[in-house]
N, C-alpha and C. Protein backbone atom coordinates (compact mmCIF):
# COMPACT_ATOMS: atom_id res chain seq x y z
N MET A 1 -45.07 16.75 62.22
CA MET A 1 -43.80 16.82 62.93
C MET A 1 -42.72 16.10 62.13
N LYS A 2 -41.60 16.73 61.92
CA LYS A 2 -40.51 16.15 61.14
C LYS A 2 -39.70 15.17 61.98
N ASN A 3 -39.03 14.24 61.29
CA ASN A 3 -38.23 13.23 61.95
C ASN A 3 -36.73 13.53 61.85
N THR A 4 -35.98 12.98 62.80
CA THR A 4 -34.52 13.02 62.76
C THR A 4 -34.03 11.61 62.50
N ALA A 5 -33.11 11.48 61.57
CA ALA A 5 -32.51 10.18 61.27
C ALA A 5 -31.03 10.21 61.64
N ILE A 6 -30.57 9.14 62.25
CA ILE A 6 -29.16 8.97 62.57
C ILE A 6 -28.68 7.74 61.81
N VAL A 7 -27.64 7.90 60.99
CA VAL A 7 -27.17 6.81 60.13
C VAL A 7 -25.75 6.43 60.49
N ALA A 8 -25.57 5.16 60.88
CA ALA A 8 -24.24 4.61 61.13
C ALA A 8 -23.86 3.74 59.94
N GLY A 9 -22.65 3.90 59.45
CA GLY A 9 -22.24 3.18 58.25
C GLY A 9 -22.63 3.93 56.99
N ALA A 10 -22.57 5.25 57.05
CA ALA A 10 -23.06 6.10 55.97
C ALA A 10 -22.24 6.03 54.69
N THR A 11 -21.06 5.40 54.73
CA THR A 11 -20.23 5.33 53.53
C THR A 11 -20.32 3.97 52.84
N GLY A 12 -21.07 3.04 53.43
CA GLY A 12 -21.20 1.71 52.85
C GLY A 12 -22.30 1.66 51.80
N LEU A 13 -22.50 0.48 51.22
CA LEU A 13 -23.45 0.31 50.13
C LEU A 13 -24.87 0.71 50.53
N VAL A 14 -25.37 0.17 51.64
CA VAL A 14 -26.73 0.52 52.09
C VAL A 14 -26.73 1.89 52.76
N GLY A 15 -25.69 2.18 53.54
CA GLY A 15 -25.64 3.46 54.24
C GLY A 15 -25.67 4.67 53.32
N ARG A 16 -24.94 4.59 52.22
CA ARG A 16 -24.95 5.70 51.24
C ARG A 16 -26.35 5.93 50.69
N GLU A 17 -27.05 4.83 50.41
CA GLU A 17 -28.41 4.95 49.88
C GLU A 17 -29.36 5.48 50.94
N LEU A 18 -29.17 5.07 52.17
CA LEU A 18 -29.99 5.62 53.26
C LEU A 18 -29.85 7.13 53.33
N VAL A 19 -28.62 7.62 53.34
CA VAL A 19 -28.39 9.06 53.43
C VAL A 19 -29.02 9.77 52.24
N ARG A 20 -28.81 9.25 51.04
CA ARG A 20 -29.36 9.89 49.84
C ARG A 20 -30.88 9.96 49.90
N LEU A 21 -31.52 8.86 50.26
CA LEU A 21 -32.98 8.83 50.29
C LEU A 21 -33.55 9.68 51.42
N LEU A 22 -32.91 9.65 52.56
CA LEU A 22 -33.39 10.43 53.71
C LEU A 22 -33.29 11.93 53.45
N LEU A 23 -32.23 12.35 52.76
CA LEU A 23 -32.07 13.77 52.46
C LEU A 23 -33.16 14.28 51.52
N SER A 24 -33.68 13.39 50.69
CA SER A 24 -34.72 13.81 49.74
C SER A 24 -36.13 13.56 50.28
N ASP A 25 -36.22 12.99 51.47
CA ASP A 25 -37.51 12.66 52.07
C ASP A 25 -38.02 13.84 52.89
N LEU A 26 -39.18 14.34 52.52
CA LEU A 26 -39.73 15.53 53.18
C LEU A 26 -40.14 15.29 54.63
N GLU A 27 -40.25 14.03 55.03
CA GLU A 27 -40.63 13.73 56.41
C GLU A 27 -39.45 13.81 57.39
N TYR A 28 -38.25 14.03 56.86
CA TYR A 28 -37.06 14.17 57.69
C TYR A 28 -36.47 15.56 57.51
N ASP A 29 -36.22 16.23 58.62
CA ASP A 29 -35.62 17.57 58.53
C ASP A 29 -34.16 17.58 58.99
N LYS A 30 -33.69 16.43 59.52
CA LYS A 30 -32.30 16.34 59.97
C LYS A 30 -31.79 14.93 59.75
N VAL A 31 -30.64 14.83 59.09
CA VAL A 31 -30.01 13.54 58.86
C VAL A 31 -28.59 13.61 59.42
N ILE A 32 -28.33 12.84 60.45
CA ILE A 32 -27.01 12.85 61.10
C ILE A 32 -26.24 11.61 60.67
N ALA A 33 -25.12 11.82 60.01
CA ALA A 33 -24.28 10.73 59.55
C ALA A 33 -23.10 10.57 60.50
N LEU A 34 -22.94 9.37 61.06
CA LEU A 34 -21.82 9.08 61.93
C LEU A 34 -20.68 8.55 61.08
N VAL A 35 -19.60 9.29 61.00
CA VAL A 35 -18.51 8.94 60.09
C VAL A 35 -17.16 9.08 60.80
N ARG A 36 -16.19 8.31 60.32
CA ARG A 36 -14.83 8.42 60.85
C ARG A 36 -14.10 9.61 60.25
N ARG A 37 -14.44 9.94 59.01
CA ARG A 37 -13.84 11.08 58.33
C ARG A 37 -14.92 11.76 57.50
N PRO A 38 -14.79 13.05 57.20
CA PRO A 38 -15.83 13.76 56.46
C PRO A 38 -16.11 13.13 55.09
N ILE A 39 -17.38 13.10 54.71
CA ILE A 39 -17.75 12.64 53.38
C ILE A 39 -18.01 13.86 52.50
N GLU A 40 -17.77 13.70 51.22
CA GLU A 40 -17.91 14.82 50.28
C GLU A 40 -19.36 14.94 49.85
N LEU A 41 -20.16 15.48 50.73
CA LEU A 41 -21.57 15.67 50.45
C LEU A 41 -22.07 16.86 51.25
N ASN A 42 -22.63 17.81 50.55
CA ASN A 42 -23.17 19.01 51.21
C ASN A 42 -24.68 19.07 51.00
N HIS A 43 -25.39 19.24 52.09
CA HIS A 43 -26.84 19.36 52.02
C HIS A 43 -27.30 20.07 53.29
N GLU A 44 -28.31 20.89 53.14
CA GLU A 44 -28.77 21.69 54.28
C GLU A 44 -29.29 20.83 55.44
N LYS A 45 -29.76 19.61 55.15
CA LYS A 45 -30.28 18.74 56.21
C LYS A 45 -29.22 17.82 56.80
N LEU A 46 -28.06 17.73 56.17
CA LEU A 46 -27.04 16.77 56.58
C LEU A 46 -26.11 17.34 57.64
N ILE A 47 -25.94 16.58 58.71
CA ILE A 47 -24.99 16.91 59.77
C ILE A 47 -24.03 15.73 59.90
N GLN A 48 -22.74 16.00 59.78
CA GLN A 48 -21.74 14.95 59.91
C GLN A 48 -21.12 14.99 61.30
N ARG A 49 -21.15 13.88 61.97
CA ARG A 49 -20.55 13.78 63.30
C ARG A 49 -19.38 12.80 63.24
N MET A 50 -18.19 13.30 63.51
CA MET A 50 -17.00 12.45 63.49
C MET A 50 -16.97 11.59 64.75
N THR A 51 -16.66 10.30 64.59
CA THR A 51 -16.57 9.42 65.75
C THR A 51 -15.60 8.28 65.49
N ASP A 52 -14.89 7.89 66.54
CA ASP A 52 -14.03 6.70 66.46
C ASP A 52 -14.73 5.52 67.14
N TRP A 53 -16.00 5.72 67.52
CA TRP A 53 -16.86 4.71 68.12
C TRP A 53 -16.49 4.34 69.55
N GLU A 54 -15.62 5.14 70.17
CA GLU A 54 -15.42 4.96 71.60
C GLU A 54 -16.69 5.41 72.32
N GLU A 55 -17.09 4.70 73.35
CA GLU A 55 -18.42 4.88 73.94
C GLU A 55 -18.67 6.29 74.46
N GLY A 56 -17.74 6.85 75.24
CA GLY A 56 -17.95 8.18 75.81
C GLY A 56 -18.12 9.27 74.77
N PRO A 57 -17.16 9.43 73.85
CA PRO A 57 -17.30 10.45 72.81
C PRO A 57 -18.51 10.23 71.91
N LEU A 58 -18.84 8.97 71.62
CA LEU A 58 -20.01 8.70 70.79
C LEU A 58 -21.28 9.18 71.48
N GLU A 59 -21.37 8.90 72.77
CA GLU A 59 -22.54 9.34 73.53
C GLU A 59 -22.67 10.85 73.52
N GLN A 60 -21.58 11.54 73.71
CA GLN A 60 -21.61 13.01 73.70
C GLN A 60 -22.02 13.55 72.34
N ALA A 61 -21.63 12.83 71.28
CA ALA A 61 -21.89 13.32 69.92
C ALA A 61 -23.35 13.23 69.53
N ILE A 62 -24.10 12.26 70.09
CA ILE A 62 -25.46 12.05 69.59
C ILE A 62 -26.56 12.08 70.65
N LYS A 63 -26.21 12.18 71.92
CA LYS A 63 -27.23 12.04 72.97
C LYS A 63 -28.35 13.07 72.85
N ASP A 64 -28.04 14.28 72.42
CA ASP A 64 -29.06 15.33 72.34
C ASP A 64 -30.00 15.15 71.17
N ASP A 65 -29.67 14.25 70.24
CA ASP A 65 -30.49 14.06 69.05
C ASP A 65 -31.24 12.72 69.04
N LEU A 66 -31.00 11.89 70.03
CA LEU A 66 -31.56 10.54 70.00
C LEU A 66 -33.04 10.46 70.36
N ASN A 67 -33.52 11.30 71.23
CA ASN A 67 -34.90 11.22 71.67
C ASN A 67 -35.87 11.33 70.49
N GLY A 68 -36.64 10.26 70.27
CA GLY A 68 -37.62 10.26 69.20
C GLY A 68 -37.06 10.02 67.81
N SER A 69 -35.77 9.80 67.70
CA SER A 69 -35.15 9.66 66.39
C SER A 69 -35.28 8.26 65.82
N HIS A 70 -35.02 8.14 64.52
CA HIS A 70 -34.93 6.86 63.84
C HIS A 70 -33.45 6.56 63.64
N VAL A 71 -32.97 5.48 64.23
CA VAL A 71 -31.56 5.14 64.15
C VAL A 71 -31.37 4.00 63.15
N PHE A 72 -30.59 4.26 62.12
CA PHE A 72 -30.31 3.28 61.08
C PHE A 72 -28.87 2.81 61.20
N CYS A 73 -28.68 1.50 61.38
CA CYS A 73 -27.34 0.95 61.53
C CYS A 73 -27.01 0.07 60.32
N ALA A 74 -26.10 0.56 59.50
CA ALA A 74 -25.67 -0.19 58.31
C ALA A 74 -24.17 -0.48 58.40
N LEU A 75 -23.70 -0.64 59.63
CA LEU A 75 -22.28 -0.93 59.83
C LEU A 75 -21.97 -2.36 59.40
N GLY A 76 -20.78 -2.54 58.85
CA GLY A 76 -20.38 -3.89 58.46
C GLY A 76 -19.05 -3.87 57.73
N THR A 77 -18.30 -4.94 57.90
CA THR A 77 -17.01 -5.06 57.21
C THR A 77 -16.85 -6.50 56.76
N THR A 78 -15.67 -6.87 56.33
CA THR A 78 -15.35 -8.24 55.95
C THR A 78 -14.09 -8.66 56.69
N ILE A 79 -13.89 -9.96 56.81
CA ILE A 79 -12.68 -10.44 57.46
C ILE A 79 -11.45 -9.95 56.70
N ARG A 80 -11.55 -9.94 55.38
CA ARG A 80 -10.41 -9.49 54.56
C ARG A 80 -10.05 -8.05 54.87
N LYS A 81 -11.06 -7.21 54.97
CA LYS A 81 -10.80 -5.78 55.23
C LYS A 81 -10.42 -5.56 56.69
N ALA A 82 -11.07 -6.26 57.60
CA ALA A 82 -10.79 -6.09 59.04
C ALA A 82 -9.45 -6.70 59.43
N LYS A 83 -9.05 -7.75 58.68
CA LYS A 83 -7.76 -8.44 58.87
C LYS A 83 -7.76 -9.45 60.03
N THR A 84 -8.53 -9.21 61.08
CA THR A 84 -8.61 -10.16 62.19
C THR A 84 -10.07 -10.35 62.60
N LYS A 85 -10.34 -11.50 63.23
CA LYS A 85 -11.69 -11.75 63.71
C LYS A 85 -12.07 -10.76 64.81
N GLU A 86 -11.09 -10.37 65.60
CA GLU A 86 -11.34 -9.42 66.68
C GLU A 86 -11.79 -8.07 66.14
N GLN A 87 -11.12 -7.60 65.09
CA GLN A 87 -11.49 -6.31 64.50
C GLN A 87 -12.84 -6.41 63.81
N PHE A 88 -13.09 -7.54 63.15
CA PHE A 88 -14.39 -7.75 62.50
C PHE A 88 -15.50 -7.68 63.54
N ARG A 89 -15.29 -8.38 64.65
CA ARG A 89 -16.31 -8.41 65.71
C ARG A 89 -16.54 -7.01 66.29
N LYS A 90 -15.49 -6.22 66.37
CA LYS A 90 -15.63 -4.87 66.90
C LYS A 90 -16.59 -4.05 66.05
N VAL A 91 -16.44 -4.15 64.72
CA VAL A 91 -17.27 -3.36 63.80
C VAL A 91 -18.69 -3.92 63.69
N ASP A 92 -18.79 -5.25 63.61
CA ASP A 92 -20.09 -5.85 63.33
C ASP A 92 -20.88 -6.23 64.58
N PHE A 93 -20.23 -6.23 65.74
CA PHE A 93 -20.95 -6.53 66.98
C PHE A 93 -20.86 -5.39 67.99
N ASP A 94 -19.65 -5.02 68.39
CA ASP A 94 -19.49 -4.04 69.46
C ASP A 94 -20.14 -2.70 69.12
N TYR A 95 -19.85 -2.17 67.93
CA TYR A 95 -20.37 -0.84 67.57
C TYR A 95 -21.90 -0.81 67.46
N PRO A 96 -22.53 -1.78 66.77
CA PRO A 96 -24.00 -1.75 66.72
C PRO A 96 -24.66 -1.87 68.09
N VAL A 97 -24.11 -2.75 68.95
CA VAL A 97 -24.70 -2.90 70.28
C VAL A 97 -24.50 -1.63 71.10
N ARG A 98 -23.35 -1.01 70.96
CA ARG A 98 -23.09 0.25 71.66
C ARG A 98 -24.10 1.32 71.22
N LEU A 99 -24.35 1.37 69.92
CA LEU A 99 -25.32 2.33 69.40
C LEU A 99 -26.73 1.99 69.88
N GLY A 100 -27.03 0.70 69.94
CA GLY A 100 -28.34 0.27 70.43
C GLY A 100 -28.57 0.66 71.88
N ARG A 101 -27.54 0.50 72.71
CA ARG A 101 -27.66 0.88 74.12
C ARG A 101 -27.96 2.38 74.26
N LEU A 102 -27.28 3.19 73.46
CA LEU A 102 -27.51 4.64 73.51
C LEU A 102 -28.91 4.98 73.01
N ALA A 103 -29.35 4.27 71.97
CA ALA A 103 -30.70 4.50 71.45
C ALA A 103 -31.74 4.21 72.53
N LYS A 104 -31.52 3.14 73.27
CA LYS A 104 -32.44 2.78 74.36
C LYS A 104 -32.37 3.82 75.48
N LYS A 105 -31.16 4.20 75.88
CA LYS A 105 -30.96 5.11 77.00
C LYS A 105 -31.59 6.47 76.76
N TYR A 106 -31.50 6.97 75.52
CA TYR A 106 -31.95 8.33 75.24
C TYR A 106 -33.27 8.38 74.47
N GLY A 107 -33.97 7.26 74.36
CA GLY A 107 -35.34 7.30 73.86
C GLY A 107 -35.54 7.40 72.37
N ALA A 108 -34.68 6.75 71.59
CA ALA A 108 -34.91 6.70 70.14
C ALA A 108 -36.21 5.95 69.88
N SER A 109 -36.96 6.37 68.89
CA SER A 109 -38.25 5.73 68.65
C SER A 109 -38.11 4.42 67.90
N SER A 110 -37.05 4.27 67.09
CA SER A 110 -36.86 3.01 66.37
C SER A 110 -35.38 2.78 66.08
N PHE A 111 -35.02 1.51 65.99
CA PHE A 111 -33.65 1.11 65.66
C PHE A 111 -33.74 0.08 64.56
N LEU A 112 -33.06 0.35 63.47
CA LEU A 112 -33.13 -0.52 62.29
C LEU A 112 -31.72 -0.92 61.89
N ILE A 113 -31.49 -2.21 61.67
CA ILE A 113 -30.15 -2.69 61.41
C ILE A 113 -30.11 -3.64 60.22
N VAL A 114 -29.03 -3.54 59.45
CA VAL A 114 -28.77 -4.47 58.36
C VAL A 114 -27.99 -5.64 58.94
N SER A 115 -28.59 -6.82 58.92
CA SER A 115 -27.91 -8.03 59.37
C SER A 115 -27.54 -8.84 58.12
N ALA A 116 -27.82 -10.11 58.09
CA ALA A 116 -27.49 -10.92 56.92
C ALA A 116 -28.34 -12.18 56.90
N MET A 117 -28.62 -12.67 55.71
CA MET A 117 -29.32 -13.94 55.57
C MET A 117 -28.48 -15.04 56.23
N GLY A 118 -29.13 -15.89 57.00
CA GLY A 118 -28.41 -16.97 57.67
C GLY A 118 -27.85 -16.60 59.01
N ALA A 119 -28.12 -15.40 59.48
CA ALA A 119 -27.62 -14.97 60.78
C ALA A 119 -28.13 -15.89 61.88
N SER A 120 -27.21 -16.40 62.70
CA SER A 120 -27.59 -17.27 63.81
C SER A 120 -26.42 -17.39 64.77
N LYS A 121 -26.69 -17.18 66.04
CA LYS A 121 -25.62 -17.28 67.04
C LYS A 121 -25.07 -18.70 67.13
N ASP A 122 -25.82 -19.67 66.60
CA ASP A 122 -25.39 -21.07 66.63
C ASP A 122 -24.76 -21.52 65.32
N SER A 123 -24.55 -20.59 64.41
CA SER A 123 -23.97 -20.95 63.11
C SER A 123 -22.54 -21.45 63.26
N LEU A 124 -22.15 -22.33 62.35
CA LEU A 124 -20.77 -22.82 62.32
C LEU A 124 -19.84 -21.83 61.62
N PHE A 125 -20.44 -20.85 60.94
CA PHE A 125 -19.66 -19.86 60.21
C PHE A 125 -19.52 -18.59 61.06
N PHE A 126 -18.31 -18.12 61.20
CA PHE A 126 -18.02 -16.98 62.07
C PHE A 126 -18.85 -15.75 61.69
N TYR A 127 -18.90 -15.43 60.40
CA TYR A 127 -19.65 -14.25 59.94
C TYR A 127 -21.11 -14.33 60.37
N SER A 128 -21.76 -15.45 60.07
CA SER A 128 -23.18 -15.61 60.41
C SER A 128 -23.39 -15.66 61.91
N GLN A 129 -22.41 -16.24 62.63
CA GLN A 129 -22.50 -16.31 64.08
C GLN A 129 -22.49 -14.92 64.71
N VAL A 130 -21.59 -14.06 64.25
CA VAL A 130 -21.51 -12.70 64.79
C VAL A 130 -22.79 -11.93 64.47
N LYS A 131 -23.30 -12.10 63.26
CA LYS A 131 -24.55 -11.42 62.89
C LYS A 131 -25.70 -11.89 63.79
N GLY A 132 -25.73 -13.20 64.07
CA GLY A 132 -26.76 -13.71 64.96
C GLY A 132 -26.61 -13.20 66.38
N GLU A 133 -25.37 -13.09 66.84
CA GLU A 133 -25.13 -12.59 68.20
C GLU A 133 -25.53 -11.13 68.35
N VAL A 134 -25.26 -10.33 67.33
CA VAL A 134 -25.64 -8.92 67.44
C VAL A 134 -27.16 -8.79 67.44
N GLU A 135 -27.85 -9.62 66.66
CA GLU A 135 -29.31 -9.60 66.68
C GLU A 135 -29.84 -9.93 68.08
N GLU A 136 -29.29 -10.99 68.70
CA GLU A 136 -29.75 -11.40 70.02
C GLU A 136 -29.48 -10.32 71.08
N SER A 137 -28.30 -9.70 70.99
CA SER A 137 -27.96 -8.66 71.96
C SER A 137 -28.87 -7.45 71.83
N LEU A 138 -29.23 -7.10 70.61
CA LEU A 138 -30.14 -5.97 70.41
C LEU A 138 -31.54 -6.32 70.91
N LYS A 139 -31.97 -7.56 70.70
CA LYS A 139 -33.27 -7.98 71.22
C LYS A 139 -33.29 -7.88 72.74
N ASP A 140 -32.18 -8.24 73.38
CA ASP A 140 -32.10 -8.22 74.84
C ASP A 140 -32.21 -6.80 75.40
N LEU A 141 -31.94 -5.79 74.59
CA LEU A 141 -32.04 -4.41 75.05
C LEU A 141 -33.49 -3.96 75.21
N ASP A 142 -34.42 -4.75 74.64
CA ASP A 142 -35.85 -4.42 74.72
C ASP A 142 -36.13 -3.03 74.16
N LEU A 143 -35.62 -2.77 72.99
CA LEU A 143 -35.88 -1.50 72.30
C LEU A 143 -37.36 -1.42 71.93
N PRO A 144 -37.93 -0.24 71.95
CA PRO A 144 -39.37 -0.13 71.67
C PRO A 144 -39.75 -0.56 70.25
N SER A 145 -38.83 -0.37 69.31
CA SER A 145 -39.11 -0.73 67.92
C SER A 145 -37.80 -1.15 67.26
N LEU A 146 -37.61 -2.45 67.11
CA LEU A 146 -36.38 -3.00 66.54
C LEU A 146 -36.70 -3.71 65.23
N HIS A 147 -36.05 -3.30 64.16
CA HIS A 147 -36.27 -3.89 62.84
C HIS A 147 -34.95 -4.46 62.33
N ILE A 148 -34.94 -5.77 62.07
CA ILE A 148 -33.74 -6.47 61.63
C ILE A 148 -33.93 -6.91 60.18
N PHE A 149 -33.04 -6.45 59.31
CA PHE A 149 -33.13 -6.76 57.89
C PHE A 149 -32.04 -7.76 57.52
N ARG A 150 -32.46 -8.85 56.89
CA ARG A 150 -31.53 -9.91 56.51
C ARG A 150 -31.48 -10.06 54.98
N PRO A 151 -30.78 -9.15 54.32
CA PRO A 151 -30.70 -9.25 52.86
C PRO A 151 -29.82 -10.41 52.42
N SER A 152 -30.07 -10.90 51.21
CA SER A 152 -29.19 -11.88 50.60
C SER A 152 -28.03 -11.11 49.97
N LEU A 153 -27.52 -11.57 48.85
CA LEU A 153 -26.42 -10.87 48.19
C LEU A 153 -26.83 -9.44 47.83
N LEU A 154 -26.04 -8.47 48.28
CA LEU A 154 -26.35 -7.07 48.01
C LEU A 154 -25.74 -6.61 46.69
N LEU A 155 -26.56 -5.99 45.87
CA LEU A 155 -26.11 -5.46 44.59
C LEU A 155 -25.97 -3.95 44.68
N GLY A 156 -24.95 -3.41 44.00
CA GLY A 156 -24.75 -1.97 43.98
C GLY A 156 -23.28 -1.64 43.83
N GLN A 157 -23.01 -0.37 43.69
CA GLN A 157 -21.64 0.10 43.49
C GLN A 157 -20.92 0.24 44.82
N ARG A 158 -19.91 -0.56 45.04
CA ARG A 158 -19.11 -0.48 46.25
C ARG A 158 -17.84 0.31 46.01
N ASP A 159 -17.25 0.81 47.10
CA ASP A 159 -15.98 1.51 47.00
C ASP A 159 -14.82 0.55 46.76
N GLU A 160 -15.03 -0.72 47.15
CA GLU A 160 -13.98 -1.72 46.99
C GLU A 160 -14.49 -2.86 46.12
N PHE A 161 -13.56 -3.47 45.38
CA PHE A 161 -13.93 -4.59 44.52
C PHE A 161 -13.84 -5.89 45.32
N ARG A 162 -14.90 -6.70 45.27
CA ARG A 162 -14.93 -7.98 45.96
C ARG A 162 -15.20 -9.06 44.91
N PHE A 163 -14.16 -9.81 44.57
CA PHE A 163 -14.26 -10.77 43.47
C PHE A 163 -15.36 -11.79 43.71
N GLY A 164 -15.41 -12.37 44.91
CA GLY A 164 -16.41 -13.38 45.21
C GLY A 164 -17.83 -12.85 45.05
N GLU A 165 -18.06 -11.64 45.54
CA GLU A 165 -19.40 -11.06 45.44
C GLU A 165 -19.74 -10.72 43.99
N LYS A 166 -18.73 -10.30 43.23
CA LYS A 166 -18.98 -9.97 41.82
C LYS A 166 -19.38 -11.21 41.05
N MET A 167 -18.70 -12.33 41.28
CA MET A 167 -19.06 -13.57 40.61
C MET A 167 -20.45 -14.04 41.03
N ALA A 168 -20.74 -13.92 42.31
CA ALA A 168 -22.06 -14.33 42.80
C ALA A 168 -23.15 -13.43 42.20
N GLU A 169 -22.82 -12.16 42.03
CA GLU A 169 -23.77 -11.22 41.42
C GLU A 169 -24.08 -11.64 39.98
N ILE A 170 -23.05 -11.99 39.23
CA ILE A 170 -23.24 -12.40 37.84
C ILE A 170 -24.07 -13.67 37.76
N LEU A 171 -23.72 -14.67 38.59
CA LEU A 171 -24.45 -15.93 38.59
C LEU A 171 -25.88 -15.75 39.08
N GLY A 172 -26.04 -14.87 40.09
CA GLY A 172 -27.38 -14.60 40.60
C GLY A 172 -28.26 -13.98 39.54
N GLY A 173 -27.69 -13.09 38.74
CA GLY A 173 -28.44 -12.46 37.67
C GLY A 173 -28.85 -13.46 36.60
N LEU A 174 -27.95 -14.40 36.29
CA LEU A 174 -28.22 -15.39 35.25
C LEU A 174 -29.32 -16.36 35.66
N PHE A 175 -29.36 -16.70 36.94
CA PHE A 175 -30.30 -17.73 37.40
C PHE A 175 -31.42 -17.19 38.28
N SER A 176 -31.58 -15.86 38.31
CA SER A 176 -32.60 -15.28 39.19
C SER A 176 -34.01 -15.73 38.82
N PHE A 177 -34.22 -16.08 37.54
CA PHE A 177 -35.56 -16.50 37.12
C PHE A 177 -35.95 -17.83 37.76
N LEU A 178 -34.96 -18.56 38.25
CA LEU A 178 -35.25 -19.84 38.92
C LEU A 178 -35.61 -19.66 40.39
N MET A 179 -35.34 -18.46 40.92
CA MET A 179 -35.53 -18.23 42.35
C MET A 179 -36.96 -17.81 42.62
N ILE A 180 -37.82 -18.80 42.70
CA ILE A 180 -39.24 -18.58 42.96
C ILE A 180 -39.65 -19.39 44.18
N GLY A 181 -40.82 -19.10 44.71
CA GLY A 181 -41.28 -19.83 45.89
C GLY A 181 -40.34 -19.64 47.06
N GLY A 182 -39.95 -20.76 47.67
CA GLY A 182 -39.07 -20.71 48.84
C GLY A 182 -37.67 -20.22 48.52
N LEU A 183 -37.30 -20.25 47.24
CA LEU A 183 -35.96 -19.80 46.85
C LEU A 183 -35.88 -18.29 46.66
N ARG A 184 -37.04 -17.61 46.72
CA ARG A 184 -37.06 -16.17 46.46
C ARG A 184 -36.20 -15.40 47.46
N GLN A 185 -36.07 -15.91 48.66
CA GLN A 185 -35.29 -15.21 49.67
C GLN A 185 -33.79 -15.18 49.34
N TYR A 186 -33.35 -16.02 48.41
CA TYR A 186 -31.94 -16.06 48.04
C TYR A 186 -31.62 -15.16 46.84
N LYS A 187 -32.63 -14.58 46.27
CA LYS A 187 -32.43 -13.71 45.11
C LYS A 187 -31.69 -12.44 45.52
N PRO A 188 -30.67 -12.02 44.74
CA PRO A 188 -29.93 -10.80 45.08
C PRO A 188 -30.87 -9.60 45.19
N ILE A 189 -30.47 -8.65 46.02
CA ILE A 189 -31.28 -7.45 46.25
C ILE A 189 -30.36 -6.23 46.23
N THR A 190 -30.85 -5.12 45.74
CA THR A 190 -30.02 -3.92 45.67
C THR A 190 -29.94 -3.22 47.02
N GLY A 191 -28.84 -2.52 47.23
CA GLY A 191 -28.70 -1.71 48.42
C GLY A 191 -29.78 -0.66 48.51
N THR A 192 -30.21 -0.15 47.37
CA THR A 192 -31.29 0.86 47.34
C THR A 192 -32.59 0.28 47.88
N ALA A 193 -32.90 -0.95 47.47
CA ALA A 193 -34.15 -1.58 47.93
C ALA A 193 -34.12 -1.81 49.44
N VAL A 194 -32.97 -2.20 49.97
CA VAL A 194 -32.85 -2.41 51.41
C VAL A 194 -33.04 -1.08 52.15
N ALA A 195 -32.40 -0.04 51.65
CA ALA A 195 -32.53 1.29 52.27
C ALA A 195 -33.98 1.77 52.23
N GLN A 196 -34.65 1.56 51.10
CA GLN A 196 -36.05 1.96 50.98
C GLN A 196 -36.92 1.21 51.99
N GLY A 197 -36.66 -0.10 52.13
CA GLY A 197 -37.42 -0.89 53.09
C GLY A 197 -37.21 -0.44 54.51
N MET A 198 -35.98 -0.07 54.85
CA MET A 198 -35.68 0.39 56.21
C MET A 198 -36.40 1.69 56.52
N ILE A 199 -36.39 2.61 55.57
CA ILE A 199 -37.06 3.90 55.77
C ILE A 199 -38.57 3.72 55.89
N GLN A 200 -39.14 2.85 55.06
CA GLN A 200 -40.57 2.57 55.15
C GLN A 200 -40.93 2.01 56.52
N ALA A 201 -40.10 1.09 57.01
CA ALA A 201 -40.37 0.48 58.31
C ALA A 201 -40.27 1.51 59.43
N ALA A 202 -39.28 2.40 59.34
CA ALA A 202 -39.11 3.43 60.37
C ALA A 202 -40.33 4.35 60.42
N LYS A 203 -40.81 4.74 59.27
CA LYS A 203 -41.95 5.66 59.21
C LYS A 203 -43.26 4.97 59.61
N LYS A 204 -43.32 3.67 59.41
CA LYS A 204 -44.52 2.92 59.79
C LYS A 204 -44.70 2.91 61.30
N GLY A 205 -43.58 2.85 62.03
CA GLY A 205 -43.63 2.99 63.48
C GLY A 205 -44.14 1.78 64.25
N SER A 206 -44.03 0.59 63.68
CA SER A 206 -44.49 -0.61 64.37
C SER A 206 -43.65 -0.87 65.62
N LYS A 207 -44.29 -1.31 66.68
CA LYS A 207 -43.59 -1.58 67.94
C LYS A 207 -43.16 -3.04 68.00
N GLY A 208 -42.21 -3.31 68.88
CA GLY A 208 -41.71 -4.66 69.04
C GLY A 208 -40.56 -4.96 68.09
N THR A 209 -40.21 -6.24 68.00
CA THR A 209 -39.11 -6.68 67.14
C THR A 209 -39.66 -7.34 65.89
N ARG A 210 -39.13 -6.92 64.76
CA ARG A 210 -39.55 -7.50 63.48
C ARG A 210 -38.31 -7.87 62.68
N ILE A 211 -38.36 -9.03 62.04
CA ILE A 211 -37.26 -9.52 61.21
C ILE A 211 -37.76 -9.68 59.78
N TYR A 212 -37.00 -9.17 58.83
CA TYR A 212 -37.39 -9.22 57.42
C TYR A 212 -36.40 -10.05 56.62
N ARG A 213 -36.89 -11.12 56.01
CA ARG A 213 -36.08 -11.85 55.05
C ARG A 213 -35.87 -10.99 53.81
N SER A 214 -34.92 -11.37 52.99
CA SER A 214 -34.60 -10.57 51.82
C SER A 214 -35.80 -10.38 50.91
N ASP A 215 -36.60 -11.45 50.72
CA ASP A 215 -37.74 -11.35 49.82
C ASP A 215 -38.92 -10.60 50.41
N GLN A 216 -38.83 -10.24 51.68
CA GLN A 216 -39.90 -9.47 52.33
C GLN A 216 -39.62 -7.98 52.36
N ILE A 217 -38.40 -7.60 52.06
CA ILE A 217 -37.99 -6.21 52.22
C ILE A 217 -38.72 -5.29 51.25
N LYS A 218 -38.97 -5.74 50.03
CA LYS A 218 -39.57 -4.86 49.03
C LYS A 218 -41.07 -4.70 49.20
N ILE A 219 -41.68 -5.48 50.07
CA ILE A 219 -43.15 -5.46 50.16
C ILE A 219 -43.62 -5.05 51.56
N LEU A 220 -42.87 -4.16 52.20
CA LEU A 220 -43.26 -3.70 53.52
C LEU A 220 -44.55 -2.89 53.45
């Protein structure tokens, strides 16, 4: 039996890789990308659903495809791009939780989300706090299969240039040989590796909630 994948954040670093890998995976016969505007990609398995993430229209767009599906959430922005904390929270908290509620309501078989290393609702840092809050809210939904991925610095080609991340990428590459033992979780990881780990976890079908540190993603 073939699987259906629903991808939120299909234009981001991990989301793009998810779509690419899922389209080439013979175990999936339908890949639904939730996008604000059409992406320039044509494939017989790809279905693009336009959404502004308002709850009613979003539900109508995906409710018929959610039963038994694998839902991949790679939504995320930055304070700089969002411009306000309120807008950041909308993208990184409201939208994923909204998608999680629909996944629960319509019987998705698994929900997989990209969070961040250091995520904690008790963090002093706003970014990490929001990531921790979204994790807790998704856990509270009691989804049958919830997989939370906490990558460290993500490597890959982004649509936008981020100076801080670029410098961290260079430094991480120079000193990655030192990141052994307990420091391995801080080693940079590619968006492709995260996407591969998410797909492996979805196909494995483990029940309950599982959290993956960055250094655990490649060895699922």
